[in-house]
């Protein structure tokens, strides 16, 4: 390998490491201040004493909008535990303005922190919210500290993206198109390698084994896409997290798994480039790696990544365009794979 190629590979590795690090930062970055609500509340959150909250809001998005302030809690290890208490809805003034709430802080075993969740909507229920925001966690005290100033202070507020109740459904046309690309790649790999008939066109046992693996992987990718496996499995995992009361605790695990998936896909990509593959098999493996990485990220379903993955381009989610591209790479590579060495 020439010095320029070695330098290029080194630059590629550095770029992939930077990409994984940037993705991790994107998922865990500090949230910007809310652009529609500010909050003042008691300096200390004290168990058994109502928390007095004053919310300053901009004019409502739609007529008849109501504002609600809920408290969610964390244990002493800062692990989210879900809903703690809430206020009654109050109508948002036509021109915006200040609303005041008193929200109870009931005692809970291991209660360590609370944070406010503020949302607005026509009925005052979470399900039909039009805007939502949350504050940074505040430590809960068991008794008031006499020496501390008990005046209200500003609590930092960050907007919470109002996610679709139902994410956009995968395009069946795009799924079948991607599956046909993968089946076409499998057929070409099988024919070019003459898999299954013992012909001498395959020069050595290792290459024959690699050809069979490529065929099996391409067929598996087609089946995965036709059955919407990542969507189905994501729904199963999400329901399990809700049923076991772990839904609010899943984000850090999702961040770790997403970063791991990106790191593994990057490592495999570099490894594919480092190994001398026959004909177009490098393109086939690259397509398989891209498909596996996209499917893993869709399955993990971190909300920050989902907003990008589910963005619609010509009525097809971006993640499906990526899968179509991966199938196209595999098809192009399988078409280039020679039947015999030159």
C-alpha atoms as a PDB file:
ATOM      1  CA  UNK A   1       0.000   0.000   0.000  1.00  0.00           C
ATOM      2  CA  UNK A   2       1.397   3.397  -0.987  1.00  0.00           C
ATOM      3  CA  UNK A   3       2.025   6.174   1.509  1.00  0.00           C
ATOM      4  CA  UNK A   4      -0.823   8.247   0.055  1.00  0.00           C
ATOM      5  CA  UNK A   5      -3.286   5.374   0.471  1.00  0.00           C
ATOM      6  CA  UNK A   6      -2.137   4.786   4.037  1.00  0.00           C
ATOM      7  CA  UNK A   7      -2.620   8.467   4.757  1.00  0.00           C
ATOM      8  CA  UNK A   8      -6.065   8.323   3.178  1.00  0.00           C
ATOM      9  CA  UNK A   9      -7.069   5.336   5.293  1.00  0.00           C
ATOM     10  CA  UNK A  10      -5.798   7.091   8.414  1.00  0.00           C
ATOM     11  CA  UNK A  11      -7.842  10.166   7.518  1.00  0.00           C
ATOM     12  CA  UNK A  12     -10.910   7.969   6.947  1.00  0.00           C
ATOM     13  CA  UNK A  13     -10.507   6.361  10.368  1.00  0.00           C
ATOM     14  CA  UNK A  14     -10.141   9.754  12.007  1.00  0.00           C
ATOM     15  CA  UNK A  15     -13.229  11.007  10.171  1.00  0.00           C
ATOM     16  CA  UNK A  16     -15.312   8.023  11.294  1.00  0.00           C
ATOM     17  CA  UNK A  17     -14.184   8.457  14.910  1.00  0.00           C
ATOM     18  CA  UNK A  18     -15.181  12.113  14.670  1.00  0.00           C
ATOM     19  CA  UNK A  19     -18.553  11.137  13.166  1.00  0.00           C
ATOM     20  CA  UNK A  20     -19.315   8.752  16.047  1.00  0.00           C
ATOM     21  CA  UNK A  21     -18.230  11.379  18.602  1.00  0.00           C
ATOM     22  CA  UNK A  22     -20.365  14.052  16.885  1.00  0.00           C
ATOM     23  CA  UNK A  23     -23.376  11.707  16.921  1.00  0.00           C
ATOM     24  CA  UNK A  24     -22.917  11.105  20.649  1.00  0.00           C
ATOM     25  CA  UNK A  25     -22.709  14.835  21.273  1.00  0.00           C
ATOM     26  CA  UNK A  26     -25.830  15.427  19.157  1.00  0.00           C
ATOM     27  CA  UNK A  27     -27.844  12.960  21.243  1.00  0.00           C
ATOM     28  CA  UNK A  28     -26.638  14.280  24.621  1.00  0.00           C
ATOM     29  CA  UNK A  29     -26.115  17.987  23.879  1.00  0.00           C
ATOM     30  CA  UNK A  30     -27.504  20.691  26.178  1.00  0.00           C
ATOM     31  CA  UNK A  31     -30.948  21.776  25.149  1.00  0.00           C
ATOM     32  CA  UNK A  32     -31.495  25.442  24.160  1.00  0.00           C
ATOM     33  CA  UNK A  33     -33.881  27.642  26.209  1.00  0.00           C
ATOM     34  CA  UNK A  34     -37.572  27.428  25.437  1.00  0.00           C
ATOM     35  CA  UNK A  35     -38.884  30.044  23.032  1.00  0.00           C
ATOM     36  CA  UNK A  36     -42.476  30.065  24.334  1.00  0.00           C
ATOM     37  CA  UNK A  37     -42.401  29.767  28.137  1.00  0.00           C
ATOM     38  CA  UNK A  38     -40.256  30.889  31.072  1.00  0.00           C
ATOM     39  CA  UNK A  39     -40.673  29.640  34.604  1.00  0.00           C
ATOM     40  CA  UNK A  40     -40.115  30.975  38.101  1.00  0.00           C
ATOM     41  CA  UNK A  41     -40.575  28.727  41.127  1.00  0.00           C
ATOM     42  CA  UNK A  42     -39.615  28.469  44.781  1.00  0.00           C
ATOM     43  CA  UNK A  43     -35.873  28.310  45.305  1.00  0.00           C
ATOM     44  CA  UNK A  44     -36.252  25.079  47.321  1.00  0.00           C
ATOM     45  CA  UNK A  45     -38.452  22.101  46.489  1.00  0.00           C
ATOM     46  CA  UNK A  46     -39.571  20.731  49.860  1.00  0.00           C
ATOM     47  CA  UNK A  47     -41.393  17.461  50.496  1.00  0.00           C
ATOM     48  CA  UNK A  48     -44.949  18.025  51.687  1.00  0.00           C
ATOM     49  CA  UNK A  49     -44.996  21.719  50.716  1.00  0.00           C
ATOM     50  CA  UNK A  50     -46.702  22.822  47.478  1.00  0.00           C
ATOM     51  CA  UNK A  51     -44.261  24.218  44.916  1.00  0.00           C
ATOM     52  CA  UNK A  52     -45.361  27.664  43.778  1.00  0.00           C
ATOM     53  CA  UNK A  53     -44.772  28.108  40.052  1.00  0.00           C
ATOM     54  CA  UNK A  54     -45.214  31.179  37.862  1.00  0.00           C
ATOM     55  CA  UNK A  55     -45.205  30.550  34.113  1.00  0.00           C
ATOM     56  CA  UNK A  56     -44.828  33.370  31.581  1.00  0.00           C
ATOM     57  CA  UNK A  57     -46.182  32.264  28.209  1.00  0.00           C
ATOM     58  CA  UNK A  58     -46.452  33.741  24.731  1.00  0.00           C
ATOM     59  CA  UNK A  59     -49.872  33.977  22.989  1.00  0.00           C
ATOM     60  CA  UNK A  60     -51.520  30.599  22.342  1.00  0.00           C
ATOM     61  CA  UNK A  61     -51.027  28.695  19.109  1.00  0.00           C
ATOM     62  CA  UNK A  62     -54.767  28.078  18.848  1.00  0.00           C
ATOM     63  CA  UNK A  63     -57.901  29.403  20.533  1.00  0.00           C
ATOM     64  CA  UNK A  64     -58.937  27.800  23.818  1.00  0.00           C
ATOM     65  CA  UNK A  65     -55.453  26.572  24.676  1.00  0.00           C
ATOM     66  CA  UNK A  66     -54.790  25.524  28.294  1.00  0.00           C
ATOM     67  CA  UNK A  67     -51.511  25.239  30.188  1.00  0.00           C
ATOM     68  CA  UNK A  68     -50.585  22.447  32.613  1.00  0.00           C
ATOM     69  CA  UNK A  69     -47.580  22.117  34.931  1.00  0.00           C
ATOM     70  CA  UNK A  70     -46.680  18.596  36.076  1.00  0.00           C
ATOM     71  CA  UNK A  71     -43.836  17.430  38.270  1.00  0.00           C
ATOM     72  CA  UNK A  72     -41.809  14.340  37.436  1.00  0.00           C
ATOM     73  CA  UNK A  73     -39.261  12.880  39.803  1.00  0.00           C
ATOM     74  CA  UNK A  74     -35.876  11.174  39.947  1.00  0.00           C
ATOM     75  CA  UNK A  75     -34.405   8.998  42.645  1.00  0.00           C
ATOM     76  CA  UNK A  76     -31.208   9.909  44.475  1.00  0.00           C
ATOM     77  CA  UNK A  77     -29.126   8.423  41.667  1.00  0.00           C
ATOM     78  CA  UNK A  78     -30.855  10.778  39.211  1.00  0.00           C
ATOM     79  CA  UNK A  79     -32.723   7.935  37.521  1.00  0.00           C
ATOM     80  CA  UNK A  80     -36.083   9.137  36.085  1.00  0.00           C
ATOM     81  CA  UNK A  81     -39.101   7.608  37.828  1.00  0.00           C
ATOM     82  CA  UNK A  82     -41.967   9.259  35.939  1.00  0.00           C
ATOM     83  CA  UNK A  83     -44.973  11.339  36.971  1.00  0.00           C
ATOM     84  CA  UNK A  84     -45.175  12.680  40.536  1.00  0.00           C
ATOM     85  CA  UNK A  85     -47.996  15.252  40.662  1.00  0.00           C
ATOM     86  CA  UNK A  86     -49.695  17.854  38.512  1.00  0.00           C
ATOM     87  CA  UNK A  87     -51.785  21.004  38.398  1.00  0.00           C
ATOM     88  CA  UNK A  88     -55.225  21.689  37.005  1.00  0.00           C
ATOM     89  CA  UNK A  89     -55.252  23.210  33.480  1.00  0.00           C
ATOM     90  CA  UNK A  90     -55.451  26.987  33.193  1.00  0.00           C
ATOM     91  CA  UNK A  91     -56.541  28.890  30.102  1.00  0.00           C
ATOM     92  CA  UNK A  92     -53.737  30.729  28.310  1.00  0.00           C
ATOM     93  CA  UNK A  93     -54.595  34.445  27.910  1.00  0.00           C
ATOM     94  CA  UNK A  94     -55.230  35.593  24.366  1.00  0.00           C
ATOM     95  CA  UNK A  95     -52.175  37.855  24.380  1.00  0.00           C
ATOM     96  CA  UNK A  96     -50.068  35.603  26.564  1.00  0.00           C
ATOM     97  CA  UNK A  97     -49.092  36.493  30.109  1.00  0.00           C
ATOM     98  CA  UNK A  98     -48.415  35.034  33.530  1.00  0.00           C
ATOM     99  CA  UNK A  99     -50.105  32.019  35.091  1.00  0.00           C
ATOM    100  CA  UNK A 100     -49.549  30.734  38.631  1.00  0.00           C
ATOM    101  CA  UNK A 101     -49.743  27.159  39.896  1.00  0.00           C
ATOM    102  CA  UNK A 102     -49.277  25.337  43.186  1.00  0.00           C
ATOM    103  CA  UNK A 103     -48.052  21.785  42.602  1.00  0.00           C
ATOM    104  CA  UNK A 104     -47.799  19.264  45.439  1.00  0.00           C
ATOM    105  CA  UNK A 105     -44.557  17.410  46.220  1.00  0.00           C
ATOM    106  CA  UNK A 106     -45.710  14.175  47.868  1.00  0.00           C
ATOM    107  CA  UNK A 107     -43.160  11.977  49.607  1.00  0.00           C
ATOM    108  CA  UNK A 108     -41.721   9.007  47.737  1.00  0.00           C
ATOM    109  CA  UNK A 109     -39.158   6.451  48.763  1.00  0.00           C
ATOM    110  CA  UNK A 110     -35.768   7.509  47.342  1.00  0.00           C
ATOM    111  CA  UNK A 111     -37.197  10.858  46.148  1.00  0.00           C
ATOM    112  CA  UNK A 112     -34.151  12.933  45.221  1.00  0.00           C
ATOM    113  CA  UNK A 113     -35.026  15.400  42.437  1.00  0.00           C
ATOM    114  CA  UNK A 114     -38.023  16.895  40.669  1.00  0.00           C
ATOM    115  CA  UNK A 115     -38.378  18.653  37.340  1.00  0.00           C
ATOM    116  CA  UNK A 116     -41.360  20.399  35.796  1.00  0.00           C
ATOM    117  CA  UNK A 117     -43.024  19.352  32.554  1.00  0.00           C
ATOM    118  CA  UNK A 118     -45.046  22.192  31.046  1.00  0.00           C
ATOM    119  CA  UNK A 119     -47.382  21.641  28.129  1.00  0.00           C
ATOM    120  CA  UNK A 120     -50.238  23.391  26.353  1.00  0.00           C
ATOM    121  CA  UNK A 121     -53.192  22.081  24.346  1.00  0.00           C
ATOM    122  CA  UNK A 122     -56.912  22.451  23.822  1.00  0.00           C
ATOM    123  CA  UNK A 123     -58.036  19.907  26.421  1.00  0.00           C
ATOM    124  CA  UNK A 124     -55.135  20.172  28.845  1.00  0.00           C
ATOM    125  CA  UNK A 125     -54.237  16.506  28.335  1.00  0.00           C
ATOM    126  CA  UNK A 126     -50.793  15.279  27.354  1.00  0.00           C
ATOM    127  CA  UNK A 127     -52.115  13.404  24.338  1.00  0.00           C
ATOM    128  CA  UNK A 128     -53.281  16.493  22.421  1.00  0.00           C
ATOM    129  CA  UNK A 129     -50.470  18.878  23.435  1.00  0.00           C
ATOM    130  CA  UNK A 130     -49.343  21.430  20.876  1.00  0.00           C
ATOM    131  CA  UNK A 131     -46.298  22.653  22.809  1.00  0.00           C
ATOM    132  CA  UNK A 132     -44.239  21.132  25.601  1.00  0.00           C
ATOM    133  CA  UNK A 133     -41.168  22.003  27.654  1.00  0.00           C
ATOM    134  CA  UNK A 134     -39.276  20.719  30.685  1.00  0.00           C
ATOM    135  CA  UNK A 135     -36.944  22.140  33.327  1.00  0.00           C
ATOM    136  CA  UNK A 136     -33.601  20.986  34.669  1.00  0.00           C
ATOM    137  CA  UNK A 137     -33.845  18.738  37.766  1.00  0.00           C
ATOM    138  CA  UNK A 138     -33.897  20.421  41.181  1.00  0.00           C
ATOM    139  CA  UNK A 139     -32.864  18.639  44.395  1.00  0.00           C
ATOM    140  CA  UNK A 140     -35.701  17.955  46.831  1.00  0.00           C
ATOM    141  CA  UNK A 141     -35.242  18.878  50.507  1.00  0.00           C
ATOM    142  CA  UNK A 142     -36.990  17.215  53.431  1.00  0.00           C
ATOM    143  CA  UNK A 143     -37.121  20.423  55.495  1.00  0.00           C
ATOM    144  CA  UNK A 144     -36.648  24.109  54.713  1.00  0.00           C
ATOM    145  CA  UNK A 145     -33.288  25.713  55.445  1.00  0.00           C
ATOM    146  CA  UNK A 146     -33.944  28.825  57.594  1.00  0.00           C
ATOM    147  CA  UNK A 147     -30.848  30.635  56.384  1.00  0.00           C
ATOM    148  CA  UNK A 148     -31.720  30.355  52.695  1.00  0.00           C
ATOM    149  CA  UNK A 149     -33.591  33.043  50.784  1.00  0.00           C
ATOM    150  CA  UNK A 150     -36.975  31.530  49.884  1.00  0.00           C
ATOM    151  CA  UNK A 151     -37.782  33.912  47.031  1.00  0.00           C
ATOM    152  CA  UNK A 152     -38.725  32.536  43.626  1.00  0.00           C
ATOM    153  CA  UNK A 153     -35.927  31.946  41.129  1.00  0.00           C
ATOM    154  CA  UNK A 154     -35.872  31.214  37.425  1.00  0.00           C
ATOM    155  CA  UNK A 155     -35.828  27.516  36.515  1.00  0.00           C
ATOM    156  CA  UNK A 156     -34.122  26.815  33.147  1.00  0.00           C
ATOM    157  CA  UNK A 157     -36.721  25.601  30.632  1.00  0.00           C
ATOM    158  CA  UNK A 158     -36.079  23.680  27.407  1.00  0.00           C
ATOM    159  CA  UNK A 159     -38.493  22.883  24.606  1.00  0.00           C
ATOM    160  CA  UNK A 160     -39.552  19.284  24.178  1.00  0.00           C
ATOM    161  CA  UNK A 161     -40.228  18.278  20.600  1.00  0.00           C
ATOM    162  CA  UNK A 162     -43.877  17.323  20.150  1.00  0.00           C
ATOM    163  CA  UNK A 163     -43.433  13.914  18.560  1.00  0.00           C
ATOM    164  CA  UNK A 164     -46.096  12.284  16.432  1.00  0.00           C
ATOM    165  CA  UNK A 165     -48.318   9.956  18.387  1.00  0.00           C
ATOM    166  CA  UNK A 166     -47.863   7.523  15.499  1.00  0.00           C
ATOM    167  CA  UNK A 167     -44.611   7.766  13.527  1.00  0.00           C
ATOM    168  CA  UNK A 168     -44.916   7.792   9.733  1.00  0.00           C
ATOM    169  CA  UNK A 169     -45.657   4.317   8.441  1.00  0.00           C
ATOM    170  CA  UNK A 170     -42.999   2.755   6.230  1.00  0.00           C
ATOM    171  CA  UNK A 171     -43.767   3.024   2.526  1.00  0.00           C
ATOM    172  CA  UNK A 172     -44.691  -0.486   1.372  1.00  0.00           C
ATOM    173  CA  UNK A 173     -43.678   0.406  -2.178  1.00  0.00           C
ATOM    174  CA  UNK A 174     -40.229   1.481  -0.982  1.00  0.00           C
ATOM    175  CA  UNK A 175     -39.938  -1.635   1.180  1.00  0.00           C
ATOM    176  CA  UNK A 176     -40.746  -3.959  -1.711  1.00  0.00           C
ATOM    177  CA  UNK A 177     -38.383  -2.068  -3.994  1.00  0.00           C
ATOM    178  CA  UNK A 178     -35.550  -2.426  -1.466  1.00  0.00           C
ATOM    179  CA  UNK A 179     -36.397  -6.116  -0.991  1.00  0.00           C
ATOM    180  CA  UNK A 180     -36.293  -6.708  -4.760  1.00  0.00           C
ATOM    181  CA  UNK A 181     -32.873  -5.051  -4.909  1.00  0.00           C
ATOM    182  CA  UNK A 182     -31.623  -7.421  -2.205  1.00  0.00           C
ATOM    183  CA  UNK A 183     -33.168 -10.472  -3.866  1.00  0.00           C
ATOM    184  CA  UNK A 184     -31.596  -9.420  -7.158  1.00  0.00           C
ATOM    185  CA  UNK A 185     -28.228  -9.092  -5.434  1.00  0.00           C
ATOM    186  CA  UNK A 186     -28.690 -12.549  -3.871  1.00  0.00           C
ATOM    187  CA  UNK A 187     -29.541 -14.082  -7.244  1.00  0.00           C
ATOM    188  CA  UNK A 188     -26.516 -12.533  -8.957  1.00  0.00           C
ATOM    189  CA  UNK A 189     -24.197 -13.563  -6.121  1.00  0.00           C
ATOM    190  CA  UNK A 190     -25.522 -17.124  -6.318  1.00  0.00           C
ATOM    191  CA  UNK A 191     -25.183 -17.302 -10.105  1.00  0.00           C
ATOM    192  CA  UNK A 192     -21.758 -15.675 -10.247  1.00  0.00           C
ATOM    193  CA  UNK A 193     -20.393 -17.866  -7.499  1.00  0.00           C
ATOM    194  CA  UNK A 194     -22.369 -20.889  -8.766  1.00  0.00           C
ATOM    195  CA  UNK A 195     -23.475 -21.553  -5.166  1.00  0.00           C
ATOM    196  CA  UNK A 196     -24.865 -25.001  -4.462  1.00  0.00           C
ATOM    197  CA  UNK A 197     -23.777 -27.032  -7.515  1.00  0.00           C
ATOM    198  CA  UNK A 198     -20.151 -27.780  -6.641  1.00  0.00           C
ATOM    199  CA  UNK A 199     -18.797 -26.220  -9.848  1.00  0.00           C
ATOM    200  CA  UNK A 200     -15.115 -25.402 -10.135  1.00  0.00           C
ATOM    201  CA  UNK A 201     -15.992 -21.806 -10.918  1.00  0.00           C
ATOM    202  CA  UNK A 202     -15.419 -21.064  -7.225  1.00  0.00           C
ATOM    203  CA  UNK A 203     -11.660 -21.290  -6.815  1.00  0.00           C
ATOM    204  CA  UNK A 204     -11.307 -22.137  -3.193  1.00  0.00           C
ATOM    205  CA  UNK A 205     -13.374 -23.245  -0.240  1.00  0.00           C
ATOM    206  CA  UNK A 206     -13.047 -19.939   1.655  1.00  0.00           C
ATOM    207  CA  UNK A 207     -14.327 -17.987  -1.325  1.00  0.00           C
ATOM    208  CA  UNK A 208     -17.239 -20.391  -1.754  1.00  0.00           C
ATOM    209  CA  UNK A 209     -18.120 -19.963   1.901  1.00  0.00           C
ATOM    210  CA  UNK A 210     -17.981 -16.149   1.551  1.00  0.00           C
ATOM    211  CA  UNK A 211     -20.259 -16.357  -1.490  1.00  0.00           C
ATOM    212  CA  UNK A 212     -22.823 -18.426   0.408  1.00  0.00           C
ATOM    213  CA  UNK A 213     -22.753 -15.972   3.300  1.00  0.00           C
ATOM    214  CA  UNK A 214     -23.351 -13.062   0.912  1.00  0.00           C
ATOM    215  CA  UNK A 215     -26.339 -14.842  -0.621  1.00  0.00           C
ATOM    216  CA  UNK A 216     -27.800 -15.681   2.800  1.00  0.00           C
ATOM    217  CA  UNK A 217     -27.242 -12.130   4.074  1.00  0.00           C
ATOM    218  CA  UNK A 218     -28.902 -10.588   1.006  1.00  0.00           C
ATOM    219  CA  UNK A 219     -31.941 -12.863   1.378  1.00  0.00           C
ATOM    220  CA  UNK A 220     -32.108 -12.041   5.110  1.00  0.00           C
ATOM    221  CA  UNK A 221     -32.021  -8.299   4.310  1.00  0.00           C
ATOM    222  CA  UNK A 222     -34.915  -8.735   1.857  1.00  0.00           C
ATOM    223  CA  UNK A 223     -36.971 -10.662   4.433  1.00  0.00           C
ATOM    224  CA  UNK A 224     -36.176  -8.091   7.144  1.00  0.00           C
ATOM    225  CA  UNK A 225     -37.403  -5.277   4.921  1.00  0.00           C
ATOM    226  CA  UNK A 226     -40.558  -7.020   3.679  1.00  0.00           C
ATOM    227  CA  UNK A 227     -41.648  -7.876   7.231  1.00  0.00           C
ATOM    228  CA  UNK A 228     -40.849  -4.386   8.644  1.00  0.00           C
ATOM    229  CA  UNK A 229     -38.841  -6.208  11.307  1.00  0.00           C
ATOM    230  CA  UNK A 230     -37.212  -3.115  12.829  1.00  0.00           C
ATOM    231  CA  UNK A 231     -40.598  -1.378  13.252  1.00  0.00           C
ATOM    232  CA  UNK A 232     -42.227  -4.487  14.746  1.00  0.00           C
ATOM    233  CA  UNK A 233     -39.365  -5.145  17.177  1.00  0.00           C
ATOM    234  CA  UNK A 234     -39.209  -1.467  18.196  1.00  0.00           C
ATOM    235  CA  UNK A 235     -42.919  -1.530  19.078  1.00  0.00           C
ATOM    236  CA  UNK A 236     -42.446  -4.699  21.145  1.00  0.00           C
ATOM    237  CA  UNK A 237     -39.501  -3.204  23.068  1.00  0.00           C
ATOM    238  CA  UNK A 238     -41.362   0.084  23.611  1.00  0.00           C
ATOM    239  CA  UNK A 239     -44.426  -1.700  25.004  1.00  0.00           C
ATOM    240  CA  UNK A 240     -42.185  -3.774  27.287  1.00  0.00           C
ATOM    241  CA  UNK A 241     -40.481  -0.597  28.578  1.00  0.00           C
ATOM    242  CA  UNK A 242     -43.866   1.010  29.292  1.00  0.00           C
ATOM    243  CA  UNK A 243     -45.287  -2.097  30.980  1.00  0.00           C
ATOM    244  CA  UNK A 244     -42.218  -2.458  33.229  1.00  0.00           C
ATOM    245  CA  UNK A 245     -42.100   1.293  34.024  1.00  0.00           C
ATOM    246  CA  UNK A 246     -38.682   1.709  32.392  1.00  0.00           C
ATOM    247  CA  UNK A 247     -39.776   3.965  29.544  1.00  0.00           C
ATOM    248  CA  UNK A 248     -38.434   7.148  31.167  1.00  0.00           C
ATOM    249  CA  UNK A 249     -35.098   5.486  31.954  1.00  0.00           C
ATOM    250  CA  UNK A 250     -34.243   4.236  28.479  1.00  0.00           C
ATOM    251  CA  UNK A 251     -32.544   7.289  26.950  1.00  0.00           C
ATOM    252  CA  UNK A 252     -28.994   6.736  28.188  1.00  0.00           C
ATOM    253  CA  UNK A 253     -29.174   3.094  27.107  1.00  0.00           C
ATOM    254  CA  UNK A 254     -30.403   4.218  23.682  1.00  0.00           C
ATOM    255  CA  UNK A 255     -27.527   6.711  23.406  1.00  0.00           C
ATOM    256  CA  UNK A 256     -24.993   4.013  24.323  1.00  0.00           C
ATOM    257  CA  UNK A 257     -26.491   1.471  21.922  1.00  0.00           C
ATOM    258  CA  UNK A 258     -26.716   3.983  19.051  1.00  0.00           C
ATOM    259  CA  UNK A 259     -23.102   5.068  19.525  1.00  0.00           C
ATOM    260  CA  UNK A 260     -22.053   1.399  19.676  1.00  0.00           C
ATOM    261  CA  UNK A 261     -23.949   0.605  16.470  1.00  0.00           C
ATOM    262  CA  UNK A 262     -22.314   3.542  14.670  1.00  0.00           C
ATOM    263  CA  UNK A 263     -18.873   2.565  15.963  1.00  0.00           C
ATOM    264  CA  UNK A 264     -19.329  -1.073  14.888  1.00  0.00           C
ATOM    265  CA  UNK A 265     -20.586  -0.076  11.433  1.00  0.00           C
ATOM    266  CA  UNK A 266     -17.625   2.279  11.020  1.00  0.00           C
ATOM    267  CA  UNK A 267     -15.143  -0.404  12.117  1.00  0.00           C
ATOM    268  CA  UNK A 268     -16.671  -2.958   9.724  1.00  0.00           C
ATOM    269  CA  UNK A 269     -16.544  -0.425   6.865  1.00  0.00           C
ATOM    270  CA  UNK A 270     -12.839   0.205   7.435  1.00  0.00           C
ATOM    271  CA  UNK A 271     -12.229  -3.551   7.691  1.00  0.00           C
ATOM    272  CA  UNK A 272     -13.987  -4.109   4.358  1.00  0.00           C
ATOM    273  CA  UNK A 273     -11.693  -1.578   2.727  1.00  0.00           C
ATOM    274  CA  UNK A 274      -8.609  -3.205   4.280  1.00  0.00           C
ATOM    275  CA  UNK A 275      -9.436  -6.713   3.020  1.00  0.00           C
ATOM    276  CA  UNK A 276      -8.759  -7.561  -0.627  1.00  0.00           C
ATOM    277  CA  UNK A 277     -12.150  -8.743  -1.907  1.00  0.00           C
ATOM    278  CA  UNK A 278     -12.752 -10.375  -5.283  1.00  0.00           C
ATOM    279  CA  UNK A 279     -14.544  -8.329  -7.926  1.00  0.00           C
ATOM    280  CA  UNK A 280     -17.466  -6.322  -6.604  1.00  0.00           C
ATOM    281  CA  UNK A 281     -17.842  -8.202  -3.330  1.00  0.00           C
ATOM    282  CA  UNK A 282     -16.530  -5.155  -1.487  1.00  0.00           C
ATOM    283  CA  UNK A 283     -19.600  -3.219  -2.678  1.00  0.00           C
ATOM    284  CA  UNK A 284     -21.882  -6.072  -1.592  1.00  0.00           C
ATOM    285  CA  UNK A 285     -20.364  -6.107   1.891  1.00  0.00           C
ATOM    286  CA  UNK A 286     -20.521  -2.316   2.106  1.00  0.00           C
ATOM    287  CA  UNK A 287     -24.219  -2.414   1.211  1.00  0.00           C
ATOM    288  CA  UNK A 288     -24.874  -5.111   3.814  1.00  0.00           C
ATOM    289  CA  UNK A 289     -22.997  -3.111   6.447  1.00  0.00           C
ATOM    290  CA  UNK A 290     -24.942   0.052   5.617  1.00  0.00           C
ATOM    291  CA  UNK A 291     -28.253  -1.828   5.779  1.00  0.00           C
ATOM    292  CA  UNK A 292     -27.370  -3.493   9.096  1.00  0.00           C
ATOM    293  CA  UNK A 293     -26.310  -0.165  10.636  1.00  0.00           C
ATOM    294  CA  UNK A 294     -29.459   1.631   9.445  1.00  0.00           C
ATOM    295  CA  UNK A 295     -31.691  -1.182  10.714  1.00  0.00           C
ATOM    296  CA  UNK A 296     -29.951  -1.239  14.108  1.00  0.00           C
ATOM    297  CA  UNK A 297     -30.340   2.519  14.543  1.00  0.00           C
ATOM    298  CA  UNK A 298     -34.008   2.329  13.517  1.00  0.00           C
ATOM    299  CA  UNK A 299     -34.526  -0.507  15.995  1.00  0.00           C
ATOM    300  CA  UNK A 300     -32.890   1.404  18.881  1.00  0.00           C
ATOM    301  CA  UNK A 301     -35.099   4.401  18.014  1.00  0.00           C
ATOM    302  CA  UNK A 302     -33.525   7.284  19.950  1.00  0.00           C
ATOM    303  CA  UNK A 303     -35.854  10.282  19.593  1.00  0.00           C
ATOM    304  CA  UNK A 304     -33.157  12.653  18.245  1.00  0.00           C
ATOM    305  CA  UNK A 305     -32.186  10.136  15.558  1.00  0.00           C
ATOM    306  CA  UNK A 306     -35.823   9.285  14.799  1.00  0.00           C
ATOM    307  CA  UNK A 307     -36.554  12.888  13.847  1.00  0.00           C
ATOM    308  CA  UNK A 308     -33.900  12.619  11.133  1.00  0.00           C
ATOM    309  CA  UNK A 309     -34.693   9.038  10.130  1.00  0.00           C
ATOM    310  CA  UNK A 310     -38.440   9.695   9.794  1.00  0.00           C
ATOM    311  CA  UNK A 311     -38.085  12.942   7.811  1.00  0.00           C
ATOM    312  CA  UNK A 312     -40.127  12.465   4.647  1.00  0.00           C
ATOM    313  CA  UNK A 313     -38.479  12.854   1.226  1.00  0.00           C
ATOM    314  CA  UNK A 314     -41.087  12.519  -1.522  1.00  0.00           C
ATOM    315  CA  UNK A 315     -43.402  10.779   0.994  1.00  0.00           C
ATOM    316  CA  UNK A 316     -40.740   8.170   1.903  1.00  0.00           C
ATOM    317  CA  UNK A 317     -38.876   8.279   5.261  1.00  0.00           C
ATOM    318  CA  UNK A 318     -35.159   9.062   4.974  1.00  0.00           C
ATOM    319  CA  UNK A 319     -34.203   5.755   6.622  1.00  0.00           C
ATOM    320  CA  UNK A 320     -35.873   3.873   3.772  1.00  0.00           C
ATOM    321  CA  UNK A 321     -33.957   5.847   1.161  1.00  0.00           C
ATOM    322  CA  UNK A 322     -30.802   4.770   2.986  1.00  0.00           C
ATOM    323  CA  UNK A 323     -31.883   1.131   2.827  1.00  0.00           C
ATOM    324  CA  UNK A 324     -32.683   1.445  -0.877  1.00  0.00           C
ATOM    325  CA  UNK A 325     -29.218   2.903  -1.436  1.00  0.00           C
ATOM    326  CA  UNK A 326     -27.650  -0.009   0.450  1.00  0.00           C
ATOM    327  CA  UNK A 327     -29.559  -2.500  -1.709  1.00  0.00           C
ATOM    328  CA  UNK A 328     -28.451  -0.649  -4.837  1.00  0.00           C
ATOM    329  CA  UNK A 329     -24.816  -0.892  -3.729  1.00  0.00           C
ATOM    330  CA  UNK A 330     -25.165  -4.636  -3.165  1.00  0.00           C
ATOM    331  CA  UNK A 331     -26.849  -5.150  -6.542  1.00  0.00           C
ATOM    332  CA  UNK A 332     -24.146  -3.179  -8.336  1.00  0.00           C
ATOM    333  CA  UNK A 333     -21.425  -5.107  -6.537  1.00  0.00           C
ATOM    334  CA  UNK A 334     -22.982  -8.504  -7.241  1.00  0.00           C
ATOM    335  CA  UNK A 335     -23.244  -7.628 -10.915  1.00  0.00           C
ATOM    336  CA  UNK A 336     -19.521  -6.860 -10.989  1.00  0.00           C
ATOM    337  CA  UNK A 337     -18.403 -10.037  -9.176  1.00  0.00           C
ATOM    338  CA  UNK A 338     -16.484 -12.108 -11.749  1.00  0.00           C
ATOM    339  CA  UNK A 339     -17.208 -15.788 -12.313  1.00  0.00           C
ATOM    340  CA  UNK A 340     -13.498 -16.618 -12.327  1.00  0.00           C
ATOM    341  CA  UNK A 341     -10.230 -14.883 -11.658  1.00  0.00           C
ATOM    342  CA  UNK A 342      -8.638 -13.153 -14.581  1.00  0.00           C
END
